Amino acid sequence: MKETYEFTKEGEFAVTEISGQKFGLRKWTWGEHNALTAQCTKFNQLTGEAIVDMQHFNEQLLLKTVFYKNEDRFVPFTIEEVKGMDGQLGERLFQLTAKFNLVSGIEAKNL
């Protein structure tokens, strides 16, 4: 079953609701994307092969782009909150922010 999310604009955030909780998604910059990619990439010196730490990338993507609404403001998650998050919620938020930040503008219109 495909889930559908509606978004409204609140300041710099695209806001949606999941299970009664409001979440704000923030577009990251190209520089932030490149810095995180570089931070998560290690090179095997024997083979020259690049290895990406996807766990770290995914966690940092959520930390940098997803915020939860607390009273009247959006608050960033802590790494402990991300690591301890309910798996289904974490996957939903990751899928939303990945579509919001990692796809072309044409595809992003169909979130």
Protein backbone atom coordinates (compact mmCIF):
# COMPACT_ATOMS: atom_id res chain seq x y z
CA MET A 1 0.00 0.00 0.00
CA LYS A 2 1.37 3.40 -0.98
CA GLU A 3 1.17 6.11 1.67
CA THR A 4 0.35 9.68 0.76
CA TYR A 5 1.59 12.73 2.65
CA GLU A 6 0.35 16.28 2.30
CA PHE A 7 2.77 19.14 2.87
CA THR A 8 2.26 22.73 3.91
CA LYS A 9 4.89 25.46 4.04
CA GLU A 10 5.93 26.86 7.42
CA GLY A 11 8.94 29.14 7.09
CA GLU A 12 11.83 27.13 5.68
CA PHE A 13 10.06 23.80 6.31
CA ALA A 14 7.78 21.56 4.29
CA VAL A 15 5.51 20.24 7.05
CA THR A 16 3.62 16.96 7.21
CA GLU A 17 1.94 14.96 9.94
CA ILE A 18 2.59 11.33 10.88
CA SER A 19 0.54 9.69 13.63
CA GLY A 20 -0.53 13.06 15.03
CA GLN A 21 3.03 14.46 15.19
CA LYS A 22 4.12 17.31 12.90
CA PHE A 23 7.49 17.04 11.16
CA GLY A 24 9.32 19.72 9.19
CA LEU A 25 11.58 18.77 6.31
CA ARG A 26 14.32 21.18 5.31
CA LYS A 27 16.05 21.22 1.94
CA TRP A 28 19.76 20.83 2.35
CA THR A 29 22.33 22.62 0.28
CA TRP A 30 24.57 21.07 -2.33
CA GLY A 31 27.51 21.84 -0.04
CA GLU A 32 25.89 19.98 2.86
CA HIS A 33 25.24 16.99 0.58
CA ASN A 34 28.84 16.92 -0.65
CA ALA A 35 30.31 17.35 2.84
CA LEU A 36 28.24 14.44 4.19
CA THR A 37 29.10 12.24 1.22
CA ALA A 38 32.80 12.94 1.75
CA GLN A 39 32.48 12.34 5.50
CA CYS A 40 30.85 8.94 4.91
CA THR A 41 33.24 7.72 2.20
CA LYS A 42 36.38 5.76 3.03
CA PHE A 43 38.88 4.35 0.56
CA ASN A 44 40.40 0.90 0.83
CA GLN A 45 44.09 1.65 0.32
CA LEU A 46 44.82 -1.85 -1.01
CA THR A 47 42.10 -1.97 -3.67
CA GLY A 48 41.37 1.73 -4.20
CA GLU A 49 37.68 0.91 -3.73
CA ALA A 50 35.38 3.51 -2.18
CA ILE A 51 33.20 2.29 0.69
CA VAL A 52 30.25 4.39 1.87
CA ASP A 53 29.05 4.06 5.47
CA MET A 54 25.32 4.09 4.71
CA GLN A 55 24.27 3.85 8.37
CA HIS A 56 26.10 7.08 9.15
CA PHE A 57 24.83 8.74 5.97
CA ASN A 58 21.19 7.83 6.72
CA GLU A 59 21.41 8.98 10.34
CA GLN A 60 23.05 12.26 9.37
CA LEU A 61 20.52 12.88 6.59
CA LEU A 62 17.72 12.68 9.18
CA LEU A 63 19.63 14.85 11.65
CA LYS A 64 20.28 17.58 9.10
CA THR A 65 16.91 17.67 7.34
CA VAL A 66 14.08 16.42 9.61
CA PHE A 67 12.75 18.33 12.60
CA TYR A 68 9.79 17.69 14.91
CA LYS A 69 7.35 20.32 16.07
CA ASN A 70 7.48 21.05 19.78
CA GLU A 71 4.87 23.62 20.78
CA ASP A 72 5.40 26.44 18.28
CA ARG A 73 8.86 25.66 16.90
CA PHE A 74 10.70 22.94 15.00
CA VAL A 75 13.38 21.13 16.98
CA PRO A 76 16.21 18.98 15.59
CA PHE A 77 16.53 15.37 16.66
CA THR A 78 19.56 14.23 18.65
CA ILE A 79 21.58 11.27 17.41
CA GLU A 80 20.28 9.28 20.38
CA GLU A 81 16.68 10.03 19.32
CA VAL A 82 17.41 8.98 15.74
CA LYS A 83 19.09 5.72 16.82
CA GLY A 84 16.28 4.94 19.30
CA MET A 85 13.44 5.92 16.94
CA ASP A 86 10.63 3.48 16.19
CA GLY A 87 11.71 1.61 13.06
CA GLN A 88 8.56 2.33 11.07
CA LEU A 89 8.67 6.04 11.89
CA GLY A 90 12.37 6.21 11.10
CA GLU A 91 11.84 4.53 7.74
CA ARG A 92 8.95 6.85 6.86
CA LEU A 93 10.96 9.94 7.75
CA PHE A 94 13.99 8.63 5.87
CA GLN A 95 11.93 7.90 2.74
CA LEU A 96 10.32 11.34 2.86
CA THR A 97 13.56 13.25 3.36
CA ALA A 98 15.34 11.13 0.76
CA LYS A 99 12.65 11.98 -1.81
CA PHE A 100 12.70 15.59 -0.68
CA ASN A 101 16.50 15.93 -0.84
CA LEU A 102 17.92 13.22 -3.09
CA VAL A 103 15.77 13.18 -6.24
CA SER A 104 15.32 15.51 -9.18
CA GLY A 105 12.86 18.41 -9.03
CA ILE A 106 10.52 16.63 -11.44
CA GLU A 107 10.18 13.59 -9.23
CA ALA A 108 10.01 15.66 -6.03
CA LYS A 109 6.81 17.33 -7.24
CA ASN A 110 5.10 13.95 -6.88
CA LEU A 111 5.97 13.38 -3.20
